[in-house]
C-alpha cells in the first residue's frame, strides 16, 4: 500500500496525543465507520449471497446487529448533518447536497454543536478521515471548526466520486497527489485515507479518541485496484458495462469514469472496504485497545444507481423497496453493527428502532458527556447493553429530502407515511404502509386508514421547521 500521508500529519497527531498516557479507567475509544451508499443487503451478515464480508461480519459475530436502524437522510450531506448534530432533517441545518464554491458543500453554521465537540469536553482526541461534505476549508463548516482535531481526505463530496484525484486535504493544507498527474493511477485515495486513520489509532493509543471514518467506498465511480478486480473478474456474468468520462475538462472532477466490469468492480470495492475494517480490528488487537474500544459500522444511505452500479443484481436492498434518494425503506434503512467487548453480548441482534440522530446522545451517555438540549435523538445504550426494558422509544422518526420534487417520510410504531412531489402539491396524497406485514412497502393502505393518515400528516407538520437555505419550493415562494 503506497502512502502519501504527509509528515506534517504524523507530527500534528503526535502533538495531539502527547498530553496524556494513562490508560487506567479511561473512557472507551470510539470508532465510527461510515460506508458510502452501502445497501441493507450488501453485507453477508445481512443476507448478501454473491460475495462475503468476513471482517465486517465479525462485528456482528462479536457484537450486535441492528435490523431497524435508519440513516439521517437518503443522500450524503444531510445524512451526515443529522449524525453530527443529533437532529433529524426537519431540524438539522444541512438538508441537501447543495454545492459551495470553489469546492465542497453548504457549510454547517458556526453555532452547530457536533458529536466531536461534545466528546472533546470529555478529553477525547478527535479525527475525521474520509469524506466530509459539510463545509469547505475556512468556512464555518470546516471540520477543524466543528470539533475535529485532525481531518484528512476529501472535503468535497463531488470530488470524492473519483478514486485517483489530484488532491486531498490535511486540515487546511491541500495535499497534491502528483502520482495521479496526467491521468495516472499512482495514488489510490481510499488507501491514503485508510493509512491516515490507522496512524491516528497508533499515535493516540494512550489517550481516549474518537475516530470518525466516513469511507468513500463503494460509491460511484466503481473503481477498485487491480489486485481486487482479479479476485472477482468473470464471476458475475453477464457483466454490466458503463461508459463514463475518461478525458476532457471534467475528468476526475466529479463525473464517473468508465467501467466495463461493473459487477466485478462493485464486489471488489466492498472487499476493499471489508479488508480496511479487518486492518482496523487488527490494529486494535496489536495496540491492546480492543477491549476498551467501541467499533460501529453503518452506511450513509441506501444503494445508488450511478456509474454502472446494479443493486438489483446484488439484491443490495434485501427485501426493501427503493434506493438512494427514495424515502422508502431501501433509501433510508441501512446496516448498523456495534462491537464493545465485555459490554455488548456477542452475536446479539436488536430490533430497536433507531436513527443517526441517536448517535450523539448514545455517545454522551457512554462517556458521561452532557446531552445537548433540544436534540431529536434518544440514547440506545440500554439496547446495546441488553437492557431493553429500560430503552426509551421514539414517538416518531422523520425525514425530508429537498430534491426530485421534495419528499417527506415519517414512521411511528409500524406505520410508515411517505409524501412525494410536495414542492408542486404540498397538500397532495400521503402514502401509508404497515411495516409489520409489508416491509417491502408494496401495499398503500391510506384509503382504509384515514385517521392514521391524518395523525401522520400532523406529525409531519410538527416535525418540520423552515430552513431558509433549504426551503421547500412552496415555502420559498411564500405560498
Protein backbone atom coordinates (compact mmCIF):
# COMPACT_ATOMS: atom_id res chain seq x y z
CA UNK A 1 0.00 0.00 0.00
CA UNK A 2 1.59 3.24 -1.14
CA UNK A 3 1.44 6.03 1.46
CA UNK A 4 1.16 9.69 0.62
CA UNK A 5 0.45 10.80 4.19
CA UNK A 6 2.46 13.98 4.76
CA UNK A 7 5.00 14.17 7.55
CA UNK A 8 3.04 17.13 8.94
CA UNK A 9 0.09 14.83 9.60
CA UNK A 10 2.08 12.45 11.76
CA UNK A 11 3.75 15.36 13.56
CA UNK A 12 0.49 17.10 14.38
CA UNK A 13 -1.12 13.84 15.50
CA UNK A 14 1.81 13.28 17.83
CA UNK A 15 1.32 16.73 19.37
CA UNK A 16 -2.33 15.93 19.96
CA UNK A 17 -1.54 12.68 21.77
CA UNK A 18 1.42 13.66 23.94
CA UNK A 19 -0.55 15.34 26.75
CA UNK A 20 -1.72 12.10 28.36
CA UNK A 21 -0.57 8.49 28.55
CA UNK A 22 -2.74 6.93 31.22
CA UNK A 23 -4.93 4.00 30.20
CA UNK A 24 -6.26 3.28 33.68
CA UNK A 25 -10.01 3.66 33.89
CA UNK A 26 -10.03 5.63 30.68
CA UNK A 27 -13.32 6.03 28.83
CA UNK A 28 -13.75 3.84 25.75
CA UNK A 29 -12.29 4.81 22.42
CA UNK A 30 -14.97 5.20 19.75
CA UNK A 31 -14.53 4.25 16.08
CA UNK A 32 -17.45 5.06 13.78
CA UNK A 33 -17.03 3.68 10.26
CA UNK A 34 -19.48 5.04 7.70
CA UNK A 35 -19.72 3.31 4.32
CA UNK A 36 -20.83 5.35 1.31
CA UNK A 37 -24.05 4.16 -0.37
CA UNK A 38 -23.87 0.61 1.01
CA UNK A 39 -27.29 -1.04 0.97
CA UNK A 40 -29.09 -3.03 3.67
CA UNK A 41 -28.38 -6.26 1.79
CA UNK A 42 -24.76 -5.60 0.79
CA UNK A 43 -23.18 -7.41 3.76
CA UNK A 44 -23.19 -11.16 4.11
CA UNK A 45 -24.34 -10.86 7.73
CA UNK A 46 -27.44 -9.11 6.31
CA UNK A 47 -28.01 -11.73 3.62
CA UNK A 48 -25.66 -10.95 0.73
CA UNK A 49 -25.15 -14.15 -1.28
CA UNK A 50 -22.88 -13.21 -4.19
CA UNK A 51 -19.83 -12.25 -2.12
CA UNK A 52 -18.83 -12.25 1.54
CA UNK A 53 -17.72 -9.62 4.06
CA UNK A 54 -15.99 -11.65 6.80
CA UNK A 55 -14.31 -8.79 8.65
CA UNK A 56 -17.43 -6.66 8.86
CA UNK A 57 -19.38 -9.81 9.80
CA UNK A 58 -17.04 -10.15 12.77
CA UNK A 59 -18.64 -7.05 14.23
CA UNK A 60 -21.95 -8.89 14.15
CA UNK A 61 -20.46 -12.12 15.49
CA UNK A 62 -18.66 -10.32 18.32
CA UNK A 63 -21.27 -7.62 18.90
CA UNK A 64 -24.79 -6.55 17.96
CA UNK A 65 -26.60 -6.37 14.62
CA UNK A 66 -29.44 -3.84 14.30
CA UNK A 67 -32.34 -4.69 12.00
CA UNK A 68 -34.21 -1.37 12.19
CA UNK A 69 -31.59 1.34 12.03
CA UNK A 70 -32.13 4.40 9.85
CA UNK A 71 -29.86 6.97 8.28
CA UNK A 72 -30.26 10.70 8.65
CA UNK A 73 -31.37 11.18 5.06
CA UNK A 74 -31.36 9.47 1.70
CA UNK A 75 -28.25 11.34 0.43
CA UNK A 76 -24.83 12.16 1.86
CA UNK A 77 -24.65 15.69 3.27
CA UNK A 78 -27.94 15.86 5.20
CA UNK A 79 -27.39 12.33 6.47
CA UNK A 80 -24.03 13.41 7.92
CA UNK A 81 -25.56 16.60 9.31
CA UNK A 82 -28.05 14.51 11.29
CA UNK A 83 -25.23 12.28 12.53
CA UNK A 84 -23.10 15.21 13.65
CA UNK A 85 -25.85 17.31 15.29
CA UNK A 86 -28.32 14.82 16.78
CA UNK A 87 -31.14 16.49 14.81
CA UNK A 88 -33.38 14.92 12.17
CA UNK A 89 -33.75 16.54 8.75
CA UNK A 90 -36.70 18.63 9.87
CA UNK A 91 -34.35 20.45 12.26
CA UNK A 92 -30.73 19.85 11.21
CA UNK A 93 -29.11 22.80 9.36
CA UNK A 94 -27.94 20.89 6.24
CA UNK A 95 -30.84 19.25 4.39
CA UNK A 96 -29.44 18.71 0.90
CA UNK A 97 -26.31 18.28 -1.23
CA UNK A 98 -26.16 21.97 -2.13
CA UNK A 99 -22.79 22.96 -3.58
CA UNK A 100 -20.36 25.61 -2.36
CA UNK A 101 -17.79 27.43 -4.47
CA UNK A 102 -14.92 26.90 -5.01
CA UNK A 103 -15.24 23.39 -3.54
CA UNK A 104 -17.45 21.39 -1.25
CA UNK A 105 -20.99 21.61 0.07
CA UNK A 106 -23.05 24.05 2.10
CA UNK A 107 -21.34 24.58 5.49
CA UNK A 108 -22.65 23.74 8.91
CA UNK A 109 -23.32 27.03 10.72
CA UNK A 110 -20.91 28.28 13.36
CA UNK A 111 -23.42 27.66 16.14
CA UNK A 112 -23.78 23.96 15.30
CA UNK A 113 -22.80 21.66 18.15
CA UNK A 114 -21.36 18.40 16.89
CA UNK A 115 -20.63 14.96 18.29
CA UNK A 116 -16.91 15.76 18.03
CA UNK A 117 -17.27 18.97 20.04
CA UNK A 118 -19.24 17.11 22.67
CA UNK A 119 -16.61 14.38 23.03
CA UNK A 120 -13.82 16.93 23.30
CA UNK A 121 -15.45 18.15 26.54
CA UNK A 122 -14.60 14.71 27.94
CA UNK A 123 -10.96 14.82 26.84
CA UNK A 124 -11.24 12.92 23.57
CA UNK A 125 -8.85 13.42 20.67
CA UNK A 126 -10.99 13.65 17.55
CA UNK A 127 -10.17 12.75 13.96
CA UNK A 128 -12.16 12.56 10.73
CA UNK A 129 -10.73 10.57 7.83
CA UNK A 130 -12.60 10.26 4.54
CA UNK A 131 -15.40 12.33 3.04
CA UNK A 132 -16.59 15.42 4.92
CA UNK A 133 -19.09 17.32 2.74
CA UNK A 134 -20.28 19.73 5.47
CA UNK A 135 -18.26 22.85 4.70
CA UNK A 136 -15.17 23.91 2.77
CA UNK A 137 -11.87 24.87 4.40
CA UNK A 138 -12.11 28.12 6.43
CA UNK A 139 -15.92 28.25 6.24
CA UNK A 140 -17.93 27.76 9.43
CA UNK A 141 -18.35 24.13 8.43
CA UNK A 142 -14.61 23.43 8.23
CA UNK A 143 -14.11 20.13 10.13
CA UNK A 144 -11.42 21.78 12.27
CA UNK A 145 -14.04 24.35 13.33
CA UNK A 146 -16.62 21.65 14.06
CA UNK A 147 -14.70 19.78 16.71
CA UNK A 148 -12.17 17.67 14.80
CA UNK A 149 -8.51 17.97 15.77
CA UNK A 150 -7.49 16.18 12.59
CA UNK A 151 -9.02 15.88 9.15
CA UNK A 152 -7.60 14.01 6.19
CA UNK A 153 -9.43 13.20 2.98
CA UNK A 154 -11.97 14.78 0.65
CA UNK A 155 -13.68 17.97 1.70
CA UNK A 156 -15.99 17.85 -1.33
CA UNK A 157 -18.45 15.02 -1.96
CA UNK A 158 -18.39 15.53 -5.72
CA UNK A 159 -14.61 15.23 -5.96
CA UNK A 160 -14.84 12.15 -3.72
CA UNK A 161 -16.58 10.36 -6.60
CA UNK A 162 -13.15 9.80 -8.14
CA UNK A 163 -10.57 7.48 -6.60
CA UNK A 164 -7.46 8.94 -8.26
CA UNK A 165 -7.88 12.68 -7.53
CA UNK A 166 -5.30 15.40 -7.95
CA UNK A 167 -5.51 16.40 -4.28
CA UNK A 168 -6.74 15.58 -0.80
CA UNK A 169 -6.85 17.77 2.30
CA UNK A 170 -4.98 17.53 5.59
CA UNK A 171 -6.66 20.09 7.80
CA UNK A 172 -6.10 23.37 5.88
CA UNK A 173 -3.34 22.03 3.66
CA UNK A 174 -4.06 20.83 0.13
CA UNK A 175 -2.02 17.68 -0.50
CA UNK A 176 -1.19 17.42 -4.20
CA UNK A 177 -1.06 13.83 -5.48
CA UNK A 178 1.42 14.07 -8.35
CA UNK A 179 1.25 10.29 -8.78
CA UNK A 180 -2.13 10.91 -10.41
CA UNK A 181 -0.94 13.63 -12.80
CA UNK A 182 -1.95 13.33 -16.47
CA UNK A 183 -4.44 10.55 -15.84
CA UNK A 184 -2.05 8.27 -13.99
CA UNK A 185 -3.26 5.91 -11.24
CA UNK A 186 -0.44 6.03 -8.74
CA UNK A 187 -2.20 7.07 -5.53
CA UNK A 188 -5.50 5.38 -4.64
CA UNK A 189 -7.29 7.83 -2.36
CA UNK A 190 -9.06 5.20 -0.24
CA UNK A 191 -5.67 3.68 0.66
CA UNK A 192 -4.26 7.05 1.68
CA UNK A 193 -7.26 7.83 3.85
CA UNK A 194 -7.11 4.40 5.47
CA UNK A 195 -3.40 4.78 6.23
CA UNK A 196 -4.10 8.11 7.94
CA UNK A 197 -6.84 6.52 10.06
CA UNK A 198 -4.55 3.67 11.13
CA UNK A 199 -1.84 6.19 12.03
CA UNK A 200 -4.36 8.11 14.15
CA UNK A 201 -5.06 4.98 16.19
CA UNK A 202 -1.37 4.24 16.69
CA UNK A 203 -0.37 7.76 17.68
CA UNK A 204 -3.31 8.25 20.05
CA UNK A 205 -3.23 4.80 21.63
CA UNK A 206 -2.63 6.26 25.10
CA UNK A 207 -5.49 8.76 25.09
CA UNK A 208 -9.23 8.36 24.51
CA UNK A 209 -10.03 9.05 20.89
CA UNK A 210 -12.99 9.40 18.56
CA UNK A 211 -12.21 8.20 15.05
CA UNK A 212 -14.85 9.17 12.50
CA UNK A 213 -14.13 7.20 9.33
CA UNK A 214 -16.58 8.23 6.55
CA UNK A 215 -15.25 6.00 3.78
CA UNK A 216 -15.73 6.84 0.10
CA UNK A 217 -16.46 3.18 -0.69
CA UNK A 218 -18.48 1.79 -2.51
CA UNK A 219 -19.89 4.96 -4.06
CA UNK A 220 -19.51 5.56 -7.80
CA UNK A 221 -17.25 5.65 -9.59
CA UNK A 222 -16.85 1.88 -9.48
CA UNK A 223 -13.08 1.70 -9.43
CA UNK A 224 -11.18 -0.92 -7.47
CA UNK A 225 -7.47 -1.68 -7.53
CA UNK A 226 -6.37 -4.36 -9.99
CA UNK A 227 -5.44 -6.91 -7.33
CA UNK A 228 -9.04 -6.76 -6.11
CA UNK A 229 -10.51 -6.83 -9.59
CA UNK A 230 -8.60 -10.07 -10.22
CA UNK A 231 -10.46 -11.72 -7.34
CA UNK A 232 -13.87 -11.17 -8.95
CA UNK A 233 -13.32 -10.81 -12.69
CA UNK A 234 -15.55 -13.20 -14.64
CA UNK A 235 -17.55 -14.29 -11.60
CA UNK A 236 -20.62 -12.11 -12.19
CA UNK A 237 -21.50 -12.63 -15.81
CA UNK A 238 -23.22 -11.25 -17.73
CA UNK A 239 -21.22 -8.17 -16.84
CA UNK A 240 -22.59 -4.65 -16.90
CA UNK A 241 -20.62 -2.00 -18.78
CA UNK A 242 -20.68 1.72 -18.07
CA UNK A 243 -19.31 4.47 -20.30
CA UNK A 244 -18.24 7.48 -18.30
CA UNK A 245 -15.88 10.46 -18.50
CA UNK A 246 -12.28 9.42 -19.13
CA UNK A 247 -10.81 12.63 -20.51
CA UNK A 248 -11.56 16.29 -21.06
CA UNK A 249 -12.15 19.26 -18.71
CA UNK A 250 -14.42 17.32 -16.29
CA UNK A 251 -12.15 14.30 -15.95
CA UNK A 252 -11.80 13.40 -12.26
CA UNK A 253 -13.81 16.44 -11.20
CA UNK A 254 -16.93 14.54 -10.20
CA UNK A 255 -18.23 12.61 -13.22
CA UNK A 256 -17.59 8.88 -13.02
CA UNK A 257 -15.01 7.09 -15.12
CA UNK A 258 -15.89 4.21 -17.41
CA UNK A 259 -16.18 0.70 -16.01
CA UNK A 260 -16.62 -2.27 -18.38
CA UNK A 261 -16.83 -4.73 -15.46
CA UNK A 262 -19.22 -3.00 -13.08
CA UNK A 263 -20.34 -6.14 -11.26
CA UNK A 264 -16.80 -7.26 -10.51
CA UNK A 265 -15.81 -3.71 -9.56
CA UNK A 266 -18.62 -3.37 -7.03
CA UNK A 267 -17.78 -6.66 -5.31
CA UNK A 268 -14.09 -5.73 -5.37
CA UNK A 269 -14.75 -2.38 -3.72
CA UNK A 270 -16.80 -3.94 -0.93
CA UNK A 271 -13.94 -6.41 -0.46
CA UNK A 272 -11.53 -3.46 -0.15
CA UNK A 273 -13.76 -1.90 2.49
CA UNK A 274 -14.03 -5.20 4.33
CA UNK A 275 -10.24 -5.52 4.36
CA UNK A 276 -9.91 -1.99 5.74
CA UNK A 277 -12.24 -2.93 8.59
CA UNK A 278 -10.16 -6.04 9.21
CA UNK A 279 -7.00 -3.95 9.42
CA UNK A 280 -8.63 -1.61 11.94
CA UNK A 281 -9.65 -4.57 14.12
CA UNK A 282 -6.12 -5.99 13.83
CA UNK A 283 -4.65 -2.62 14.86
CA UNK A 284 -6.82 -2.56 17.95
CA UNK A 285 -5.54 -6.02 18.88
CA UNK A 286 -1.92 -5.05 18.21
CA UNK A 287 -2.14 -1.93 20.39
CA UNK A 288 -4.05 -3.60 23.21
CA UNK A 289 -7.03 -1.31 22.65
CA UNK A 290 -9.61 -3.88 21.56
CA UNK A 291 -11.32 -4.37 24.93
CA UNK A 292 -11.74 -0.64 25.50
CA UNK A 293 -12.89 0.39 22.03
CA UNK A 294 -16.39 0.64 20.62
CA UNK A 295 -16.50 -0.06 16.89
CA UNK A 296 -19.61 0.95 14.95
CA UNK A 297 -20.23 0.26 11.27
CA UNK A 298 -23.07 1.90 9.32
CA UNK A 299 -23.92 3.37 5.90
CA UNK A 300 -24.98 6.89 4.98
CA UNK A 301 -27.98 5.91 2.80
CA UNK A 302 -29.25 3.16 0.53
CA UNK A 303 -27.51 1.84 -2.60
CA UNK A 304 -27.03 4.08 -5.62
CA UNK A 305 -27.87 3.52 -9.28
CA UNK A 306 -24.96 5.52 -10.69
CA UNK A 307 -21.73 4.84 -12.53
CA UNK A 308 -22.76 1.34 -13.62
CA UNK A 309 -24.00 0.17 -10.20
CA UNK A 310 -26.52 -2.67 -10.34
CA UNK A 311 -28.17 -3.04 -6.91
CA UNK A 312 -30.89 -5.33 -8.25
CA UNK A 313 -28.29 -7.82 -9.46
CA UNK A 314 -26.72 -7.96 -5.99
CA UNK A 315 -30.03 -7.67 -4.12
CA UNK A 316 -28.44 -4.72 -2.33
CA UNK A 317 -31.74 -3.74 -0.70
CA UNK A 318 -32.61 -7.19 0.56
CA UNK A 319 -36.40 -7.19 0.59
CA UNK A 320 -36.70 -3.42 0.93
CA UNK A 321 -38.20 -1.08 -1.66
CA UNK A 322 -36.26 1.85 -3.08
CA UNK A 323 -32.73 3.14 -3.49
CA UNK A 324 -30.67 6.21 -2.67
CA UNK A 325 -32.85 9.36 -3.00
CA UNK A 326 -36.00 7.38 -2.14
CA UNK A 327 -37.93 7.79 1.08
CA UNK A 328 -38.93 4.15 1.03
CA UNK A 329 -37.09 1.74 3.33
CA UNK A 330 -34.41 0.90 0.76
CA UNK A 331 -33.27 4.52 0.72
CA UNK A 332 -33.04 5.09 4.46
CA UNK A 333 -32.86 1.77 6.34
CA UNK A 334 -29.25 0.56 6.42
CA UNK A 335 -26.96 -1.77 8.37
CA UNK A 336 -25.61 -0.92 11.80
CA UNK A 337 -23.22 -3.18 13.70
CA UNK A 338 -21.74 -2.37 17.11
CA UNK A 339 -18.92 -4.18 18.91
CA UNK A 340 -17.95 -3.38 22.51
CA UNK A 341 -16.16 -6.28 24.19
CA UNK A 342 -17.40 -7.10 27.68
CA UNK A 343 -20.40 -4.79 27.31
CA UNK A 344 -22.38 -5.98 24.29
CA UNK A 345 -23.38 -9.63 24.07
CA UNK A 346 -21.59 -11.32 21.19
CA UNK A 347 -23.81 -12.46 18.34
CA UNK A 348 -26.81 -10.47 19.55
CA UNK A 349 -29.50 -8.83 17.42
CA UNK A 350 -31.63 -5.80 18.18
CA UNK A 351 -34.89 -4.74 16.54
CA UNK A 352 -34.80 -1.41 18.38
CA UNK A 353 -35.86 1.41 16.04
CA UNK A 354 -33.03 3.94 15.90
CA UNK A 355 -31.58 6.61 13.62
CA UNK A 356 -28.46 8.69 13.03
CA UNK A 357 -29.65 11.42 15.40
CA UNK A 358 -29.47 8.86 18.23
CA UNK A 359 -25.69 8.56 17.95
CA UNK A 360 -24.96 11.82 19.79
CA UNK A 361 -26.99 11.06 22.95
CA UNK A 362 -25.74 7.45 22.94
CA UNK A 363 -22.12 8.63 22.91
CA UNK A 364 -22.99 11.18 25.58
CA UNK A 365 -24.41 8.51 27.89
CA UNK A 366 -21.43 6.22 27.27
CA UNK A 367 -18.84 8.91 28.04
CA UNK A 368 -20.66 10.94 30.66
CA UNK A 369 -20.91 13.99 28.43
CA UNK A 370 -23.87 16.31 28.76
CA UNK A 371 -26.62 15.58 26.28
CA UNK A 372 -27.33 18.82 24.39
CA UNK A 373 -30.76 20.32 24.96
CA UNK A 374 -33.24 20.29 22.13
CA UNK A 375 -31.84 17.43 20.06
CA UNK A 376 -34.09 14.79 18.49
CA UNK A 377 -32.02 11.76 19.42
CA UNK A 378 -32.58 9.19 22.14
CA UNK A 379 -29.70 7.16 23.55
CA UNK A 380 -29.84 3.49 22.60
CA UNK A 381 -27.24 2.48 25.20
CA UNK A 382 -29.79 0.33 27.10
CA UNK A 383 -30.44 -1.64 23.90
CA UNK A 384 -26.70 -2.12 23.41
CA UNK A 385 -26.36 -3.49 26.92
CA UNK A 386 -29.36 -5.79 26.55
CA UNK A 387 -31.48 -3.75 28.97
CA UNK A 388 -34.44 -3.45 26.64
CA UNK A 389 -36.90 -2.84 29.48
CA UNK A 390 -35.07 0.45 30.13
CA UNK A 391 -34.84 1.51 26.48
CA UNK A 392 -36.84 4.61 25.58
CA UNK A 393 -38.62 4.67 22.23
CA UNK A 394 -39.19 7.40 19.67
CA UNK A 395 -42.68 8.78 19.23
CA UNK A 396 -41.74 9.04 15.56
CA UNK A 397 -38.84 9.24 13.11
CA UNK A 398 -38.95 11.91 10.39
CA UNK A 399 -37.07 12.55 7.14
CA UNK A 400 -37.26 15.15 4.41
CA UNK A 401 -35.49 15.40 1.05
CA UNK A 402 -35.21 18.57 -0.99
CA UNK A 403 -34.58 17.13 -4.45
CA UNK A 404 -36.76 15.33 -7.01
CA UNK A 405 -39.79 17.46 -6.25
CA UNK A 406 -39.48 17.33 -2.48
CA UNK A 407 -40.24 14.32 -0.30
CA UNK A 408 -41.00 13.56 3.34
CA UNK A 409 -41.43 10.38 5.33
CA UNK A 410 -42.41 9.56 8.88
CA UNK A 411 -42.50 6.37 10.92
CA UNK A 412 -44.40 5.90 14.14
CA UNK A 413 -44.59 2.39 15.51
CA UNK A 414 -45.05 0.14 12.49
CA UNK A 415 -46.80 2.80 10.43
CA UNK A 416 -44.79 4.50 7.67
CA UNK A 417 -46.04 7.55 5.75
CA UNK A 418 -44.45 8.89 2.54
CA UNK A 419 -45.28 12.10 0.67
CA UNK A 420 -43.85 12.82 -2.79
CA UNK A 421 -43.68 15.89 -5.03
CA UNK A 422 -44.60 18.25 -2.22
CA UNK A 423 -42.98 21.23 -3.95
CA UNK A 424 -45.70 21.06 -6.59
CA UNK A 425 -48.56 19.68 -4.47
CA UNK A 426 -47.88 20.49 -0.77
CA UNK A 427 -51.24 19.04 0.29
CA UNK A 428 -51.02 16.04 -2.02
CA UNK A 429 -51.50 12.35 -1.36
CA UNK A 430 -49.92 10.67 1.65
CA UNK A 431 -48.99 7.03 1.15
CA UNK A 432 -49.32 4.73 4.15
CA UNK A 433 -47.67 1.37 4.80
CA UNK A 434 -47.88 -1.12 7.66
CA UNK A 435 -44.29 -2.29 8.08
CA UNK A 436 -45.31 -5.10 10.43
CA UNK A 437 -46.82 -7.00 7.49
CA UNK A 438 -45.44 -5.12 4.49
CA UNK A 439 -41.73 -4.43 4.93
CA UNK A 440 -41.40 -4.08 1.15
CA UNK A 441 -44.00 -1.26 1.06
CA UNK A 442 -46.00 -2.84 -1.74
CA UNK A 443 -49.49 -2.04 -0.46
CA UNK A 444 -50.57 1.57 0.12
CA UNK A 445 -53.32 1.31 2.77
CA UNK A 446 -54.00 5.04 3.15
CA UNK A 447 -57.56 4.82 1.79
CA UNK A 448 -58.63 2.42 4.53
CA UNK A 449 -56.82 4.15 7.40
CA UNK A 450 -57.80 7.81 7.05
CA UNK A 451 -57.49 8.65 10.76
CA UNK A 452 -53.96 7.24 10.91
CA UNK A 453 -53.05 9.22 7.78
CA UNK A 454 -54.37 12.39 9.39
CA UNK A 455 -52.26 11.74 12.50
CA UNK A 456 -49.16 11.10 10.38
CA UNK A 457 -49.67 14.33 8.44
CA UNK A 458 -50.00 16.28 11.68
CA UNK A 459 -46.75 14.77 12.95
CA UNK A 460 -45.02 15.69 9.69
CA UNK A 461 -46.06 19.33 10.12
CA UNK A 462 -44.90 19.24 13.72
CA UNK A 463 -41.50 17.77 12.77
CA UNK A 464 -40.65 20.25 10.00
CA UNK A 465 -39.17 23.68 10.69
CA UNK A 466 -38.41 26.23 7.99
CA UNK A 467 -34.75 26.49 6.97
CA UNK A 468 -34.01 29.36 4.61
CA UNK A 469 -31.02 27.63 2.99
CA UNK A 470 -33.07 24.50 2.25
CA UNK A 471 -36.72 25.50 1.87
CA UNK A 472 -39.34 23.55 0.04
CA UNK A 473 -40.48 25.46 -3.05
CA UNK A 474 -43.85 26.41 -1.61
CA UNK A 475 -42.11 27.87 1.46
CA UNK A 476 -39.57 29.84 -0.60
CA UNK A 477 -42.35 31.32 -2.71
CA UNK A 478 -44.43 32.20 0.33
CA UNK A 479 -47.38 30.08 -0.76
